[in-house]
Full PDB file with SEQRES, HELIX, SHEET, SSBOND, CRYST1, ORIGX, SCALE, CONECT and MASTER records, all heavy atoms in Angstrom:
SEQRES   1 A   33  VAL GLY GLY ILE GLY TYR ARG VAL PHE ALA ALA PRO SER          
SEQRES   2 A   33  VAL LEU ALA THR ALA VAL PRO GLY LYS VAL LEU LYS LEU          
SEQRES   3 A   33  HIS THR PHE HIS LEU VAL ARG                                  
HELIX    1 AA1 PRO A   12  THR A   17  1                                   6    
CRYST1    1.000    1.000    1.000  90.00  90.00  90.00 P 1           1          
ORIGX1      1.000000  0.000000  0.000000        0.00000                         
ORIGX2      0.000000  1.000000  0.000000        0.00000                         
ORIGX3      0.000000  0.000000  1.000000        0.00000                         
SCALE1      1.000000  0.000000  0.000000        0.00000                         
SCALE2      0.000000  1.000000  0.000000        0.00000                         
SCALE3      0.000000  0.000000  1.000000        0.00000                         
ATOM      1  N   VAL A   1      44.625 225.366  71.513  1.00  0.00           N  
ATOM      2  CA  VAL A   1      45.025 226.674  72.039  1.00  0.00           C  
ATOM      3  C   VAL A   1      46.539 226.820  71.868  1.00  0.00           C  
ATOM      4  O   VAL A   1      47.300 226.065  72.463  1.00  0.00           O  
ATOM      5  CB  VAL A   1      44.663 226.809  73.541  1.00  0.00           C  
ATOM      6  CG1 VAL A   1      45.006 228.217  74.041  1.00  0.00           C  
ATOM      7  CG2 VAL A   1      43.209 226.488  73.796  1.00  0.00           C  
ATOM      8  N   GLY A   2      46.946 227.772  71.052  1.00  0.00           N  
ATOM      9  CA  GLY A   2      48.372 228.042  70.882  1.00  0.00           C  
ATOM     10  C   GLY A   2      49.189 226.819  70.491  1.00  0.00           C  
ATOM     11  O   GLY A   2      50.295 226.616  71.000  1.00  0.00           O  
ATOM     12  N   GLY A   3      48.660 226.002  69.587  1.00  0.00           N  
ATOM     13  CA  GLY A   3      49.387 224.838  69.121  1.00  0.00           C  
ATOM     14  C   GLY A   3      49.276 223.608  70.014  1.00  0.00           C  
ATOM     15  O   GLY A   3      49.854 222.567  69.724  1.00  0.00           O  
ATOM     16  N   ILE A   4      48.531 223.733  71.105  1.00  0.00           N  
ATOM     17  CA  ILE A   4      48.331 222.591  72.018  1.00  0.00           C  
ATOM     18  C   ILE A   4      46.846 222.208  71.981  1.00  0.00           C  
ATOM     19  O   ILE A   4      45.961 223.071  72.069  1.00  0.00           O  
ATOM     20  CB  ILE A   4      48.737 222.948  73.475  1.00  0.00           C  
ATOM     21  CG1 ILE A   4      50.219 223.312  73.523  1.00  0.00           C  
ATOM     22  CG2 ILE A   4      48.434 221.795  74.423  1.00  0.00           C  
ATOM     23  CD1 ILE A   4      50.666 223.871  74.855  1.00  0.00           C  
ATOM     24  N   GLY A   5      46.572 220.917  71.879  1.00  0.00           N  
ATOM     25  CA  GLY A   5      45.188 220.434  71.891  1.00  0.00           C  
ATOM     26  C   GLY A   5      44.812 219.898  73.261  1.00  0.00           C  
ATOM     27  O   GLY A   5      45.456 218.980  73.762  1.00  0.00           O  
ATOM     28  N   TYR A   6      43.802 220.498  73.877  1.00  0.00           N  
ATOM     29  CA  TYR A   6      43.322 220.051  75.184  1.00  0.00           C  
ATOM     30  C   TYR A   6      42.092 219.187  75.007  1.00  0.00           C  
ATOM     31  O   TYR A   6      41.093 219.636  74.421  1.00  0.00           O  
ATOM     32  CB  TYR A   6      42.963 221.258  76.068  1.00  0.00           C  
ATOM     33  CG  TYR A   6      44.142 222.103  76.475  1.00  0.00           C  
ATOM     34  CD1 TYR A   6      44.539 223.202  75.718  1.00  0.00           C  
ATOM     35  CD2 TYR A   6      44.873 221.789  77.627  1.00  0.00           C  
ATOM     36  CE1 TYR A   6      45.628 223.980  76.087  1.00  0.00           C  
ATOM     37  CE2 TYR A   6      45.964 222.560  78.009  1.00  0.00           C  
ATOM     38  CZ  TYR A   6      46.339 223.649  77.218  1.00  0.00           C  
ATOM     39  OH  TYR A   6      47.420 224.409  77.596  1.00  0.00           O  
ATOM     40  N   ARG A   7      42.141 217.940  75.505  1.00  0.00           N  
ATOM     41  CA  ARG A   7      40.945 217.090  75.473  1.00  0.00           C  
ATOM     42  C   ARG A   7      40.072 217.482  76.663  1.00  0.00           C  
ATOM     43  O   ARG A   7      40.515 217.481  77.798  1.00  0.00           O  
ATOM     44  CB  ARG A   7      41.300 215.620  75.577  1.00  0.00           C  
ATOM     45  CG  ARG A   7      40.041 214.722  75.582  1.00  0.00           C  
ATOM     46  CD  ARG A   7      40.350 213.258  75.411  1.00  0.00           C  
ATOM     47  NE  ARG A   7      40.997 212.956  74.134  1.00  0.00           N  
ATOM     48  CZ  ARG A   7      40.371 212.904  72.949  1.00  0.00           C  
ATOM     49  NH1 ARG A   7      39.078 213.153  72.876  1.00  0.00           N  
ATOM     50  NH2 ARG A   7      41.027 212.603  71.850  1.00  0.00           N  
ATOM     51  N   VAL A   8      38.839 217.850  76.376  1.00  0.00           N  
ATOM     52  CA  VAL A   8      37.901 218.303  77.410  1.00  0.00           C  
ATOM     53  C   VAL A   8      36.668 217.403  77.378  1.00  0.00           C  
ATOM     54  O   VAL A   8      35.992 217.294  76.353  1.00  0.00           O  
ATOM     55  CB  VAL A   8      37.476 219.775  77.176  1.00  0.00           C  
ATOM     56  CG1 VAL A   8      36.566 220.253  78.305  1.00  0.00           C  
ATOM     57  CG2 VAL A   8      38.700 220.687  77.060  1.00  0.00           C  
ATOM     58  N   PHE A   9      36.382 216.752  78.497  1.00  0.00           N  
ATOM     59  CA  PHE A   9      35.166 215.950  78.613  1.00  0.00           C  
ATOM     60  C   PHE A   9      33.983 216.918  78.802  1.00  0.00           C  
ATOM     61  O   PHE A   9      34.079 217.876  79.573  1.00  0.00           O  
ATOM     62  CB  PHE A   9      35.259 214.981  79.792  1.00  0.00           C  
ATOM     63  CG  PHE A   9      36.284 213.908  79.565  1.00  0.00           C  
ATOM     64  CD1 PHE A   9      37.583 214.054  80.047  1.00  0.00           C  
ATOM     65  CD2 PHE A   9      35.972 212.764  78.848  1.00  0.00           C  
ATOM     66  CE1 PHE A   9      38.536 213.079  79.824  1.00  0.00           C  
ATOM     67  CE2 PHE A   9      36.927 211.781  78.611  1.00  0.00           C  
ATOM     68  CZ  PHE A   9      38.217 211.942  79.105  1.00  0.00           C  
ATOM     69  N   ALA A  10      32.889 216.659  78.099  1.00  0.00           N  
ATOM     70  CA  ALA A  10      31.756 217.580  78.156  1.00  0.00           C  
ATOM     71  C   ALA A  10      30.451 216.818  77.969  1.00  0.00           C  
ATOM     72  O   ALA A  10      30.435 215.680  77.500  1.00  0.00           O  
ATOM     73  CB  ALA A  10      31.890 218.646  77.058  1.00  0.00           C  
ATOM     74  N   ALA A  11      29.363 217.471  78.348  1.00  0.00           N  
ATOM     75  CA  ALA A  11      28.033 216.876  78.225  1.00  0.00           C  
ATOM     76  C   ALA A  11      27.628 216.805  76.759  1.00  0.00           C  
ATOM     77  O   ALA A  11      28.110 217.599  75.928  1.00  0.00           O  
ATOM     78  CB  ALA A  11      27.017 217.728  79.008  1.00  0.00           C  
ATOM     79  N   PRO A  12      26.731 215.866  76.407  1.00  0.00           N  
ATOM     80  CA  PRO A  12      26.269 215.748  75.012  1.00  0.00           C  
ATOM     81  C   PRO A  12      25.723 217.060  74.448  1.00  0.00           C  
ATOM     82  O   PRO A  12      25.899 217.341  73.265  1.00  0.00           O  
ATOM     83  CB  PRO A  12      25.161 214.690  75.097  1.00  0.00           C  
ATOM     84  CG  PRO A  12      25.553 213.838  76.271  1.00  0.00           C  
ATOM     85  CD  PRO A  12      26.175 214.797  77.261  1.00  0.00           C  
ATOM     86  N   SER A  13      25.087 217.881  75.292  1.00  0.00           N  
ATOM     87  CA  SER A  13      24.538 219.167  74.815  1.00  0.00           C  
ATOM     88  C   SER A  13      25.649 220.096  74.325  1.00  0.00           C  
ATOM     89  O   SER A  13      25.464 220.853  73.364  1.00  0.00           O  
ATOM     90  CB  SER A  13      23.728 219.845  75.918  1.00  0.00           C  
ATOM     91  OG  SER A  13      24.529 220.032  77.077  1.00  0.00           O  
ATOM     92  N   VAL A  14      26.804 220.060  74.980  1.00  0.00           N  
ATOM     93  CA  VAL A  14      27.950 220.873  74.558  1.00  0.00           C  
ATOM     94  C   VAL A  14      28.545 220.296  73.278  1.00  0.00           C  
ATOM     95  O   VAL A  14      28.819 221.016  72.309  1.00  0.00           O  
ATOM     96  CB  VAL A  14      29.025 220.941  75.664  1.00  0.00           C  
ATOM     97  CG1 VAL A  14      30.287 221.636  75.163  1.00  0.00           C  
ATOM     98  CG2 VAL A  14      28.488 221.636  76.900  1.00  0.00           C  
ATOM     99  N   LEU A  15      28.713 218.974  73.237  1.00  0.00           N  
ATOM    100  CA  LEU A  15      29.313 218.314  72.079  1.00  0.00           C  
ATOM    101  C   LEU A  15      28.445 218.492  70.826  1.00  0.00           C  
ATOM    102  O   LEU A  15      28.968 218.665  69.722  1.00  0.00           O  
ATOM    103  CB  LEU A  15      29.518 216.821  72.364  1.00  0.00           C  
ATOM    104  CG  LEU A  15      30.449 216.488  73.530  1.00  0.00           C  
ATOM    105  CD1 LEU A  15      30.445 214.994  73.808  1.00  0.00           C  
ATOM    106  CD2 LEU A  15      31.863 216.993  73.270  1.00  0.00           C  
ATOM    107  N   ALA A  16      27.137 218.481  71.003  1.00  0.00           N  
ATOM    108  CA  ALA A  16      26.220 218.572  69.859  1.00  0.00           C  
ATOM    109  C   ALA A  16      26.283 219.944  69.188  1.00  0.00           C  
ATOM    110  O   ALA A  16      26.022 220.068  67.986  1.00  0.00           O  
ATOM    111  CB  ALA A  16      24.796 218.282  70.302  1.00  0.00           C  
ATOM    112  N   THR A  17      26.611 220.988  69.959  1.00  0.00           N  
ATOM    113  CA  THR A  17      26.623 222.341  69.391  1.00  0.00           C  
ATOM    114  C   THR A  17      28.031 222.801  69.008  1.00  0.00           C  
ATOM    115  O   THR A  17      28.185 223.865  68.422  1.00  0.00           O  
ATOM    116  CB  THR A  17      26.034 223.343  70.395  1.00  0.00           C  
ATOM    117  OG1 THR A  17      26.755 223.271  71.641  1.00  0.00           O  
ATOM    118  CG2 THR A  17      24.561 223.056  70.652  1.00  0.00           C  
ATOM    119  N   ALA A  18      29.066 222.011  69.332  1.00  0.00           N  
ATOM    120  CA  ALA A  18      30.433 222.364  68.981  1.00  0.00           C  
ATOM    121  C   ALA A  18      30.645 222.140  67.484  1.00  0.00           C  
ATOM    122  O   ALA A  18      30.190 221.149  66.918  1.00  0.00           O  
ATOM    123  CB  ALA A  18      31.426 221.526  69.773  1.00  0.00           C  
ATOM    124  N   VAL A  19      31.316 223.094  66.835  1.00  0.00           N  
ATOM    125  CA  VAL A  19      31.550 223.019  65.389  1.00  0.00           C  
ATOM    126  C   VAL A  19      33.057 223.006  65.129  1.00  0.00           C  
ATOM    127  O   VAL A  19      33.750 223.942  65.525  1.00  0.00           O  
ATOM    128  CB  VAL A  19      30.908 224.225  64.657  1.00  0.00           C  
ATOM    129  CG1 VAL A  19      31.167 224.139  63.165  1.00  0.00           C  
ATOM    130  CG2 VAL A  19      29.423 224.309  64.962  1.00  0.00           C  
ATOM    131  N   PRO A  20      33.571 221.961  64.492  1.00  0.00           N  
ATOM    132  CA  PRO A  20      35.001 221.911  64.192  1.00  0.00           C  
ATOM    133  C   PRO A  20      35.471 223.161  63.450  1.00  0.00           C  
ATOM    134  O   PRO A  20      34.809 223.628  62.510  1.00  0.00           O  
ATOM    135  CB  PRO A  20      35.148 220.661  63.317  1.00  0.00           C  
ATOM    136  CG  PRO A  20      33.990 219.788  63.730  1.00  0.00           C  
ATOM    137  CD  PRO A  20      32.872 220.756  64.027  1.00  0.00           C  
ATOM    138  N   GLY A  21      36.596 223.724  63.911  1.00  0.00           N  
ATOM    139  CA  GLY A  21      37.145 224.924  63.269  1.00  0.00           C  
ATOM    140  C   GLY A  21      36.613 226.225  63.821  1.00  0.00           C  
ATOM    141  O   GLY A  21      37.118 227.301  63.502  1.00  0.00           O  
ATOM    142  N   LYS A  22      35.571 226.167  64.648  1.00  0.00           N  
ATOM    143  CA  LYS A  22      34.994 227.370  65.251  1.00  0.00           C  
ATOM    144  C   LYS A  22      35.573 227.561  66.654  1.00  0.00           C  
ATOM    145  O   LYS A  22      35.940 226.601  67.328  1.00  0.00           O  
ATOM    146  CB  LYS A  22      33.475 227.268  65.355  1.00  0.00           C  
ATOM    147  CG  LYS A  22      32.768 227.185  64.012  1.00  0.00           C  
ATOM    148  CD  LYS A  22      32.675 228.545  63.360  1.00  0.00           C  
ATOM    149  CE  LYS A  22      31.822 228.473  62.086  1.00  0.00           C  
ATOM    150  NZ  LYS A  22      31.729 229.746  61.418  1.00  0.00           N  
ATOM    151  N   VAL A  23      35.590 228.826  67.119  1.00  0.00           N  
ATOM    152  CA  VAL A  23      36.104 229.131  68.453  1.00  0.00           C  
ATOM    153  C   VAL A  23      35.064 228.750  69.505  1.00  0.00           C  
ATOM    154  O   VAL A  23      33.864 229.006  69.334  1.00  0.00           O  
ATOM    155  CB  VAL A  23      36.446 230.636  68.583  1.00  0.00           C  
ATOM    156  CG1 VAL A  23      36.825 230.990  70.021  1.00  0.00           C  
ATOM    157  CG2 VAL A  23      37.579 230.997  67.647  1.00  0.00           C  
ATOM    158  N   LEU A  24      35.519 228.130  70.565  1.00  0.00           N  
ATOM    159  CA  LEU A  24      34.641 227.732  71.683  1.00  0.00           C  
ATOM    160  C   LEU A  24      35.353 228.046  72.990  1.00  0.00           C  
ATOM    161  O   LEU A  24      36.545 227.782  73.134  1.00  0.00           O  
ATOM    162  CB  LEU A  24      34.330 226.232  71.596  1.00  0.00           C  
ATOM    163  CG  LEU A  24      33.476 225.642  72.719  1.00  0.00           C  
ATOM    164  CD1 LEU A  24      32.065 226.229  72.696  1.00  0.00           C  
ATOM    165  CD2 LEU A  24      33.414 224.123  72.601  1.00  0.00           C  
ATOM    166  N   LYS A  25      34.610 228.619  73.927  1.00  0.00           N  
ATOM    167  CA  LYS A  25      35.149 228.843  75.269  1.00  0.00           C  
ATOM    168  C   LYS A  25      34.366 228.010  76.267  1.00  0.00           C  
ATOM    169  O   LYS A  25      33.133 228.016  76.260  1.00  0.00           O  
ATOM    170  CB  LYS A  25      35.070 230.321  75.671  1.00  0.00           C  
ATOM    171  CG  LYS A  25      35.611 230.546  77.086  1.00  0.00           C  
ATOM    172  CD  LYS A  25      35.619 232.003  77.505  1.00  0.00           C  
ATOM    173  CE  LYS A  25      36.195 232.126  78.903  1.00  0.00           C  
ATOM    174  NZ  LYS A  25      36.274 233.523  79.375  1.00  0.00           N  
ATOM    175  N   LEU A  26      35.080 227.274  77.111  1.00  0.00           N  
ATOM    176  CA  LEU A  26      34.443 226.462  78.147  1.00  0.00           C  
ATOM    177  C   LEU A  26      35.074 226.778  79.501  1.00  0.00           C  
ATOM    178  O   LEU A  26      36.291 226.927  79.610  1.00  0.00           O  
ATOM    179  CB  LEU A  26      34.602 224.971  77.851  1.00  0.00           C  
ATOM    180  CG  LEU A  26      33.884 224.417  76.609  1.00  0.00           C  
ATOM    181  CD1 LEU A  26      34.245 222.959  76.403  1.00  0.00           C  
ATOM    182  CD2 LEU A  26      32.380 224.600  76.710  1.00  0.00           C  
ATOM    183  N   HIS A  27      34.229 226.876  80.534  1.00  0.00           N  
ATOM    184  CA  HIS A  27      34.710 226.941  81.914  1.00  0.00           C  
ATOM    185  C   HIS A  27      35.097 225.504  82.269  1.00  0.00           C  
ATOM    186  O   HIS A  27      34.359 224.567  81.953  1.00  0.00           O  
ATOM    187  CB  HIS A  27      33.608 227.436  82.849  1.00  0.00           C  
ATOM    188  CG  HIS A  27      33.113 228.796  82.485  1.00  0.00           C  
ATOM    189  ND1 HIS A  27      33.679 229.942  82.974  1.00  0.00           N  
ATOM    190  CD2 HIS A  27      32.114 229.197  81.661  1.00  0.00           C  
ATOM    191  CE1 HIS A  27      33.059 230.986  82.475  1.00  0.00           C  
ATOM    192  NE2 HIS A  27      32.100 230.568  81.675  1.00  0.00           N  
ATOM    193  N   THR A  28      36.239 225.330  82.930  1.00  0.00           N  
ATOM    194  CA  THR A  28      36.717 223.968  83.128  1.00  0.00           C  
ATOM    195  C   THR A  28      36.993 223.621  84.591  1.00  0.00           C  
ATOM    196  O   THR A  28      37.345 224.473  85.400  1.00  0.00           O  
ATOM    197  CB  THR A  28      38.013 223.714  82.324  1.00  0.00           C  
ATOM    198  OG1 THR A  28      38.985 224.708  82.660  1.00  0.00           O  
ATOM    199  CG2 THR A  28      37.746 223.736  80.847  1.00  0.00           C  
ATOM    200  N   PHE A  29      36.817 222.347  84.880  1.00  0.00           N  
ATOM    201  CA  PHE A  29      37.234 221.743  86.127  1.00  0.00           C  
ATOM    202  C   PHE A  29      38.448 220.887  85.802  1.00  0.00           C  
ATOM    203  O   PHE A  29      38.376 220.014  84.932  1.00  0.00           O  
ATOM    204  CB  PHE A  29      36.116 220.874  86.728  1.00  0.00           C  
ATOM    205  CG  PHE A  29      36.547 220.096  87.934  1.00  0.00           C  
ATOM    206  CD1 PHE A  29      36.573 220.679  89.193  1.00  0.00           C  
ATOM    207  CD2 PHE A  29      36.951 218.769  87.808  1.00  0.00           C  
ATOM    208  CE1 PHE A  29      36.978 219.962  90.304  1.00  0.00           C  
ATOM    209  CE2 PHE A  29      37.359 218.039  88.918  1.00  0.00           C  
ATOM    210  CZ  PHE A  29      37.374 218.643  90.169  1.00  0.00           C  
ATOM    211  N   HIS A  30      39.565 221.149  86.469  1.00  0.00           N  
ATOM    212  CA  HIS A  30      40.813 220.435  86.188  1.00  0.00           C  
ATOM    213  C   HIS A  30      41.003 219.371  87.269  1.00  0.00           C  
ATOM    214  O   HIS A  30      41.327 219.686  88.411  1.00  0.00           O  
ATOM    215  CB  HIS A  30      41.972 221.429  86.192  1.00  0.00           C  
ATOM    216  CG  HIS A  30      43.284 220.840  85.767  1.00  0.00           C  
ATOM    217  ND1 HIS A  30      44.455 221.523  85.882  1.00  0.00           N  
ATOM    218  CD2 HIS A  30      43.609 219.622  85.242  1.00  0.00           C  
ATOM    219  CE1 HIS A  30      45.459 220.765  85.435  1.00  0.00           C  
ATOM    220  NE2 HIS A  30      44.957 219.606  85.054  1.00  0.00           N  
ATOM    221  N   LEU A  31      40.761 218.130  86.895  1.00  0.00           N  
ATOM    222  CA  LEU A  31      40.942 217.006  87.823  1.00  0.00           C  
ATOM    223  C   LEU A  31      42.411 216.587  87.809  1.00  0.00           C  
ATOM    224  O   LEU A  31      42.984 216.330  86.755  1.00  0.00           O  
ATOM    225  CB  LEU A  31      40.063 215.827  87.379  1.00  0.00           C  
ATOM    226  CG  LEU A  31      40.239 214.532  88.181  1.00  0.00           C  
ATOM    227  CD1 LEU A  31      39.630 214.666  89.568  1.00  0.00           C  
ATOM    228  CD2 LEU A  31      39.598 213.347  87.449  1.00  0.00           C  
ATOM    229  N   VAL A  32      43.019 216.533  89.008  1.00  0.00           N  
ATOM    230  CA  VAL A  32      44.409 216.095  89.123  1.00  0.00           C  
ATOM    231  C   VAL A  32      44.467 215.001  90.185  1.00  0.00           C  
ATOM    232  O   VAL A  32      44.150 215.227  91.347  1.00  0.00           O  
ATOM    233  CB  VAL A  32      45.342 217.262  89.536  1.00  0.00           C  
ATOM    234  CG1 VAL A  32      46.782 216.771  89.652  1.00  0.00           C  
ATOM    235  CG2 VAL A  32      45.253 218.399  88.531  1.00  0.00           C  
ATOM    236  N   ARG A  33      44.851 213.802  89.717  1.00  0.00           N  
ATOM    237  CA  ARG A  33      45.058 212.671  90.629  1.00  0.00           C  
ATOM    238  C   ARG A  33      46.447 212.086  90.355  1.00  0.00           C  
ATOM    239  O   ARG A  33      47.068 212.426  89.349  1.00  0.00           O  
ATOM    240  CB  ARG A  33      43.987 211.595  90.406  1.00  0.00           C  
ATOM    241  CG  ARG A  33      42.609 212.024  90.858  1.00  0.00           C  
ATOM    242  CD  ARG A  33      41.599 210.905  90.639  1.00  0.00           C  
ATOM    243  NE  ARG A  33      40.278 211.285  91.081  1.00  0.00           N  
ATOM    244  CZ  ARG A  33      39.164 210.728  90.646  1.00  0.00           C  
ATOM    245  NH1 ARG A  33      39.216 209.764  89.752  1.00  0.00           N  
ATOM    246  NH2 ARG A  33      37.990 211.128  91.097  1.00  0.00           N  
TER     247      ARG A  33                                                      
MASTER        0    0    0    1    0    0    0    6  246    1    0    3          
END                                                                             
C-alpha cells in the first residue's frame, strides 16, 4: 500500500485465493504488544 508492504497473517482459505499482483482488501485486527 503506497510503497509500504504490510505483512498480514491470514487463514489458508485467504492465502489460497490471493493472487500476486492483484488487489486484495482485508479487514484487519491490529495486535499491539
